[in-house]
Amino acid sequence: MVIQLKTTYYHYCEIDAATVQGLQAASSKRQYFETRIRGTGSDGPFDCRTHPVPKKYRQ
């Protein structure tokens, strides 16, 4: 998933369908993103540095 924050795009890997649906349905997308998707800066639940891009999307 690629998420734009202001003018910067951030990549998040291995996000499951339930998390995407939760983000789309959230009354506060910012709060949902901050608590469930965004990492600490060095790692997070969907950080592409520690959660690889799924094989079907690799070239």
PDB file of N, CA and C in Angstrom:
ATOM      1  N   MET A   1       0.853  -1.164   0.000  1.00  0.00           N
ATOM      2  CA  MET A   1       0.000   0.000   0.000  1.00  0.00           C
ATOM      3  C   MET A   1       0.897   1.225   0.000  1.00  0.00           C
ATOM      4  N   VAL A   2       0.514   2.229  -0.749  1.00  0.00           N
ATOM      5  CA  VAL A   2       1.225   3.502  -0.772  1.00  0.00           C
ATOM      6  C   VAL A   2       0.271   4.550  -0.198  1.00  0.00           C
ATOM      7  N   ILE A   3       0.744   5.269   0.806  1.00  0.00           N
ATOM      8  CA  ILE A   3      -0.073   6.283   1.458  1.00  0.00           C
ATOM      9  C   ILE A   3       0.644   7.615   1.336  1.00  0.00           C
ATOM     10  N   GLN A   4      -0.097   8.645   0.901  1.00  0.00           N
ATOM     11  CA  GLN A   4       0.474   9.976   0.782  1.00  0.00           C
ATOM     12  C   GLN A   4       0.167  10.763   2.052  1.00  0.00           C
ATOM     13  N   LEU A   5       1.227  11.292   2.663  1.00  0.00           N
ATOM     14  CA  LEU A   5       1.101  12.184   3.811  1.00  0.00           C
ATOM     15  C   LEU A   5       1.682  13.523   3.388  1.00  0.00           C
ATOM     16  N   LYS A   6       0.822  14.491   3.249  1.00  0.00           N
ATOM     17  CA  LYS A   6       1.179  15.800   2.696  1.00  0.00           C
ATOM     18  C   LYS A   6       1.710  15.590   1.284  1.00  0.00           C
ATOM     19  N   THR A   7       2.996  15.821   1.040  1.00  0.00           N
ATOM     20  CA  THR A   7       3.539  15.678  -0.319  1.00  0.00           C
ATOM     21  C   THR A   7       4.450  14.473  -0.477  1.00  0.00           C
ATOM     22  N   THR A   8       4.544  13.643   0.550  1.00  0.00           N
ATOM     23  CA  THR A   8       5.439  12.488   0.515  1.00  0.00           C
ATOM     24  C   THR A   8       4.635  11.193   0.486  1.00  0.00           C
ATOM     25  N   TYR A   9       5.070  10.264  -0.351  1.00  0.00           N
ATOM     26  CA  TYR A   9       4.440   8.951  -0.439  1.00  0.00           C
ATOM     27  C   TYR A   9       5.249   7.947   0.388  1.00  0.00           C
ATOM     28  N   TYR A  10       4.542   7.146   1.187  1.00  0.00           N
ATOM     29  CA  TYR A  10       5.180   6.135   2.027  1.00  0.00           C
ATOM     30  C   TYR A  10       4.658   4.759   1.628  1.00  0.00           C
ATOM     31  N   HIS A  11       5.556   3.799   1.567  1.00  0.00           N
ATOM     32  CA  HIS A  11       5.204   2.426   1.193  1.00  0.00           C
ATOM     33  C   HIS A  11       5.022   1.585   2.448  1.00  0.00           C
ATOM     34  N   TYR A  12       3.967   0.791   2.451  1.00  0.00           N
ATOM     35  CA  TYR A  12       3.703  -0.140   3.552  1.00  0.00           C
ATOM     36  C   TYR A  12       3.461  -1.506   2.938  1.00  0.00           C
ATOM     37  N   CYS A  13       4.068  -2.539   3.521  1.00  0.00           N
ATOM     38  CA  CYS A  13       4.044  -3.882   2.942  1.00  0.00           C
ATOM     39  C   CYS A  13       3.289  -4.869   3.819  1.00  0.00           C
ATOM     40  N   GLU A  14       2.780  -5.900   3.177  1.00  0.00           N
ATOM     41  CA  GLU A  14       2.055  -6.996   3.826  1.00  0.00           C
ATOM     42  C   GLU A  14       0.853  -6.526   4.634  1.00  0.00           C
ATOM     43  N   ILE A  15       0.157  -5.513   4.140  1.00  0.00           N
ATOM     44  CA  ILE A  15      -1.066  -5.064   4.811  1.00  0.00           C
ATOM     45  C   ILE A  15      -2.188  -6.012   4.417  1.00  0.00           C
ATOM     46  N   ASP A  16      -2.872  -6.549   5.416  1.00  0.00           N
ATOM     47  CA  ASP A  16      -3.955  -7.494   5.145  1.00  0.00           C
ATOM     48  C   ASP A  16      -5.235  -6.749   4.764  1.00  0.00           C
ATOM     49  N   ALA A  17      -6.159  -7.473   4.164  1.00  0.00           N
ATOM     50  CA  ALA A  17      -7.414  -6.887   3.676  1.00  0.00           C
ATOM     51  C   ALA A  17      -8.225  -6.259   4.802  1.00  0.00           C
ATOM     52  N   ALA A  18      -8.223  -6.864   5.972  1.00  0.00           N
ATOM     53  CA  ALA A  18      -8.997  -6.329   7.095  1.00  0.00           C
ATOM     54  C   ALA A  18      -8.478  -4.950   7.523  1.00  0.00           C
ATOM     55  N   THR A  19      -7.166  -4.759   7.469  1.00  0.00           N
ATOM     56  CA  THR A  19      -6.591  -3.458   7.826  1.00  0.00           C
ATOM     57  C   THR A  19      -6.967  -2.404   6.798  1.00  0.00           C
ATOM     58  N   VAL A  20      -6.919  -2.760   5.530  1.00  0.00           N
ATOM     59  CA  VAL A  20      -7.308  -1.826   4.467  1.00  0.00           C
ATOM     60  C   VAL A  20      -8.781  -1.461   4.614  1.00  0.00           C
ATOM     61  N   GLN A  21      -9.630  -2.436   4.842  1.00  0.00           N
ATOM     62  CA  GLN A  21     -11.063  -2.166   5.016  1.00  0.00           C
ATOM     63  C   GLN A  21     -11.304  -1.304   6.248  1.00  0.00           C
ATOM     64  N   GLY A  22     -10.559  -1.583   7.326  1.00  0.00           N
ATOM     65  CA  GLY A  22     -10.686  -0.775   8.531  1.00  0.00           C
ATOM     66  C   GLY A  22     -10.307   0.671   8.292  1.00  0.00           C
ATOM     67  N   LEU A  23      -9.244   0.891   7.538  1.00  0.00           N
ATOM     68  CA  LEU A  23      -8.819   2.250   7.198  1.00  0.00           C
ATOM     69  C   LEU A  23      -9.887   2.958   6.378  1.00  0.00           C
ATOM     70  N   GLN A  24     -10.413   2.275   5.379  1.00  0.00           N
ATOM     71  CA  GLN A  24     -11.430   2.877   4.518  1.00  0.00           C
ATOM     72  C   GLN A  24     -12.713   3.212   5.278  1.00  0.00           C
ATOM     73  N   ALA A  25     -13.058   2.403   6.267  1.00  0.00           N
ATOM     74  CA  ALA A  25     -14.299   2.591   7.012  1.00  0.00           C
ATOM     75  C   ALA A  25     -14.147   3.480   8.246  1.00  0.00           C
ATOM     76  N   ALA A  26     -12.925   3.787   8.621  1.00  0.00           N
ATOM     77  CA  ALA A  26     -12.685   4.544   9.857  1.00  0.00           C
ATOM     78  C   ALA A  26     -13.279   5.946   9.793  1.00  0.00           C
ATOM     79  N   SER A  27     -13.854   6.364  10.903  1.00  0.00           N
ATOM     80  CA  SER A  27     -14.393   7.728  10.955  1.00  0.00           C
ATOM     81  C   SER A  27     -13.246   8.741  10.985  1.00  0.00           C
ATOM     82  N   SER A  28     -12.113   8.349  11.545  1.00  0.00           N
ATOM     83  CA  SER A  28     -10.916   9.178  11.527  1.00  0.00           C
ATOM     84  C   SER A  28      -9.781   8.358  10.907  1.00  0.00           C
ATOM     85  N   LYS A  29      -9.573   8.568   9.613  1.00  0.00           N
ATOM     86  CA  LYS A  29      -8.521   7.830   8.918  1.00  0.00           C
ATOM     87  C   LYS A  29      -7.151   8.149   9.506  1.00  0.00           C
ATOM     88  N   ARG A  30      -6.946   9.373   9.915  1.00  0.00           N
ATOM     89  CA  ARG A  30      -5.664   9.759  10.521  1.00  0.00           C
ATOM     90  C   ARG A  30      -5.422   8.966  11.799  1.00  0.00           C
ATOM     91  N   GLN A  31      -6.420   8.900  12.669  1.00  0.00           N
ATOM     92  CA  GLN A  31      -6.260   8.177  13.932  1.00  0.00           C
ATOM     93  C   GLN A  31      -6.041   6.687  13.683  1.00  0.00           C
ATOM     94  N   TYR A  32      -6.790   6.123  12.751  1.00  0.00           N
ATOM     95  CA  TYR A  32      -6.628   4.703  12.427  1.00  0.00           C
ATOM     96  C   TYR A  32      -5.223   4.449  11.901  1.00  0.00           C
ATOM     97  N   PHE A  33      -4.765   5.300  10.992  1.00  0.00           N
ATOM     98  CA  PHE A  33      -3.425   5.169  10.427  1.00  0.00           C
ATOM     99  C   PHE A  33      -2.368   5.260  11.532  1.00  0.00           C
ATOM    100  N   GLU A  34      -2.485   6.270  12.391  1.00  0.00           N
ATOM    101  CA  GLU A  34      -1.500   6.481  13.452  1.00  0.00           C
ATOM    102  C   GLU A  34      -1.423   5.293  14.411  1.00  0.00           C
ATOM    103  N   THR A  35      -2.561   4.685  14.737  1.00  0.00           N
ATOM    104  CA  THR A  35      -2.563   3.622  15.743  1.00  0.00           C
ATOM    105  C   THR A  35      -2.359   2.224  15.166  1.00  0.00           C
ATOM    106  N   ARG A  36      -2.708   2.000  13.888  1.00  0.00           N
ATOM    107  CA  ARG A  36      -2.670   0.641  13.354  1.00  0.00           C
ATOM    108  C   ARG A  36      -1.668   0.399  12.234  1.00  0.00           C
ATOM    109  N   ILE A  37      -1.242   1.450  11.545  1.00  0.00           N
ATOM    110  CA  ILE A  37      -0.394   1.255  10.361  1.00  0.00           C
ATOM    111  C   ILE A  37       0.978   1.890  10.525  1.00  0.00           C
ATOM    112  N   ARG A  38       1.014   3.126  10.924  1.00  0.00           N
ATOM    113  CA  ARG A  38       2.278   3.852  11.002  1.00  0.00           C
ATOM    114  C   ARG A  38       3.226   3.200  12.002  1.00  0.00           C
ATOM    115  N   GLY A  39       4.471   3.199  11.663  1.00  0.00           N
ATOM    116  CA  GLY A  39       5.477   2.604  12.532  1.00  0.00           C
ATOM    117  C   GLY A  39       6.113   3.612  13.467  1.00  0.00           C
ATOM    118  N   THR A  40       7.162   3.186  14.115  1.00  0.00           N
ATOM    119  CA  THR A  40       7.862   4.012  15.090  1.00  0.00           C
ATOM    120  C   THR A  40       8.960   4.858  14.448  1.00  0.00           C
ATOM    121  N   GLY A  41       9.247   4.617  13.203  1.00  0.00           N
ATOM    122  CA  GLY A  41      10.344   5.302  12.526  1.00  0.00           C
ATOM    123  C   GLY A  41      11.451   4.328  12.172  1.00  0.00           C
ATOM    124  N   SER A  42      11.648   3.328  13.029  1.00  0.00           N
ATOM    125  CA  SER A  42      12.653   2.310  12.743  1.00  0.00           C
ATOM    126  C   SER A  42      12.002   0.976  12.366  1.00  0.00           C
ATOM    127  N   ASP A  43      10.732   0.813  12.708  1.00  0.00           N
ATOM    128  CA  ASP A  43       9.995  -0.408  12.371  1.00  0.00           C
ATOM    129  C   ASP A  43       8.520  -0.168  12.663  1.00  0.00           C
ATOM    130  N   GLY A  44       7.710  -1.015  12.115  1.00  0.00           N
ATOM    131  CA  GLY A  44       6.274  -0.947  12.349  1.00  0.00           C
ATOM    132  C   GLY A  44       5.628  -2.205  11.832  1.00  0.00           C
ATOM    133  N   PRO A  45       4.341  -2.346  12.035  1.00  0.00           N
ATOM    134  CA  PRO A  45       3.677  -3.582  11.645  1.00  0.00           C
ATOM    135  C   PRO A  45       3.685  -3.846  10.140  1.00  0.00           C
ATOM    136  N   PHE A  46       3.891  -2.794   9.337  1.00  0.00           N
ATOM    137  CA  PHE A  46       3.871  -2.961   7.884  1.00  0.00           C
ATOM    138  C   PHE A  46       5.074  -2.294   7.222  1.00  0.00           C
ATOM    139  N   ASP A  47       6.141  -2.111   7.954  1.00  0.00           N
ATOM    140  CA  ASP A  47       7.346  -1.464   7.442  1.00  0.00           C
ATOM    141  C   ASP A  47       7.985  -2.349   6.373  1.00  0.00           C
ATOM    142  N   CYS A  48       8.177  -1.813   5.183  1.00  0.00           N
ATOM    143  CA  CYS A  48       8.728  -2.599   4.070  1.00  0.00           C
ATOM    144  C   CYS A  48      10.178  -3.027   4.307  1.00  0.00           C
ATOM    145  N   ARG A  49      10.862  -2.399   5.242  1.00  0.00           N
ATOM    146  CA  ARG A  49      12.238  -2.811   5.548  1.00  0.00           C
ATOM    147  C   ARG A  49      12.255  -4.139   6.294  1.00  0.00           C
ATOM    148  N   THR A  50      11.184  -4.445   7.021  1.00  0.00           N
ATOM    149  CA  THR A  50      11.127  -5.684   7.792  1.00  0.00           C
ATOM    150  C   THR A  50       9.987  -6.599   7.360  1.00  0.00           C
ATOM    151  N   HIS A  51       9.095  -6.110   6.508  1.00  0.00           N
ATOM    152  CA  HIS A  51       7.990  -6.896   5.955  1.00  0.00           C
ATOM    153  C   HIS A  51       8.084  -6.792   4.431  1.00  0.00           C
ATOM    154  N   PRO A  52       8.586  -7.809   3.769  1.00  0.00           N
ATOM    155  CA  PRO A  52       8.864  -7.714   2.334  1.00  0.00           C
ATOM    156  C   PRO A  52       7.612  -7.525   1.479  1.00  0.00           C
ATOM    157  N   VAL A  53       7.866  -6.994   0.297  1.00  0.00           N
ATOM    158  CA  VAL A  53       6.812  -6.861  -0.707  1.00  0.00           C
ATOM    159  C   VAL A  53       6.358  -8.275  -1.087  1.00  0.00           C
ATOM    160  N   PRO A  54       5.045  -8.533  -1.141  1.00  0.00           N
ATOM    161  CA  PRO A  54       4.586  -9.867  -1.532  1.00  0.00           C
ATOM    162  C   PRO A  54       5.144 -10.284  -2.890  1.00  0.00           C
ATOM    163  N   LYS A  55       5.440 -11.560  -3.040  1.00  0.00           N
ATOM    164  CA  LYS A  55       6.061 -12.087  -4.259  1.00  0.00           C
ATOM    165  C   LYS A  55       5.294 -11.726  -5.518  1.00  0.00           C
ATOM    166  N   LYS A  56       3.968 -11.706  -5.446  1.00  0.00           N
ATOM    167  CA  LYS A  56       3.194 -11.430  -6.658  1.00  0.00           C
ATOM    168  C   LYS A  56       3.396 -10.014  -7.195  1.00  0.00           C
ATOM    169  N   TYR A  57       3.964  -9.103  -6.371  1.00  0.00           N
ATOM    170  CA  TYR A  57       4.209  -7.730  -6.806  1.00  0.00           C
ATOM    171  C   TYR A  57       5.670  -7.440  -7.119  1.00  0.00           C
ATOM    172  N   ARG A  58       6.536  -8.413  -6.894  1.00  0.00           N
ATOM    173  CA  ARG A  58       7.960  -8.222  -7.205  1.00  0.00           C
ATOM    174  C   ARG A  58       8.193  -8.406  -8.690  1.00  0.00           C
ATOM    175  N   GLN A  59       9.174  -7.696  -9.201  1.00  0.00           N
ATOM    176  CA  GLN A  59       9.495  -7.823 -10.626  1.00  0.00           C
ATOM    177  C   GLN A  59      10.769  -8.606 -10.813  1.00  0.00           C
TER     178      GLN A  59
END
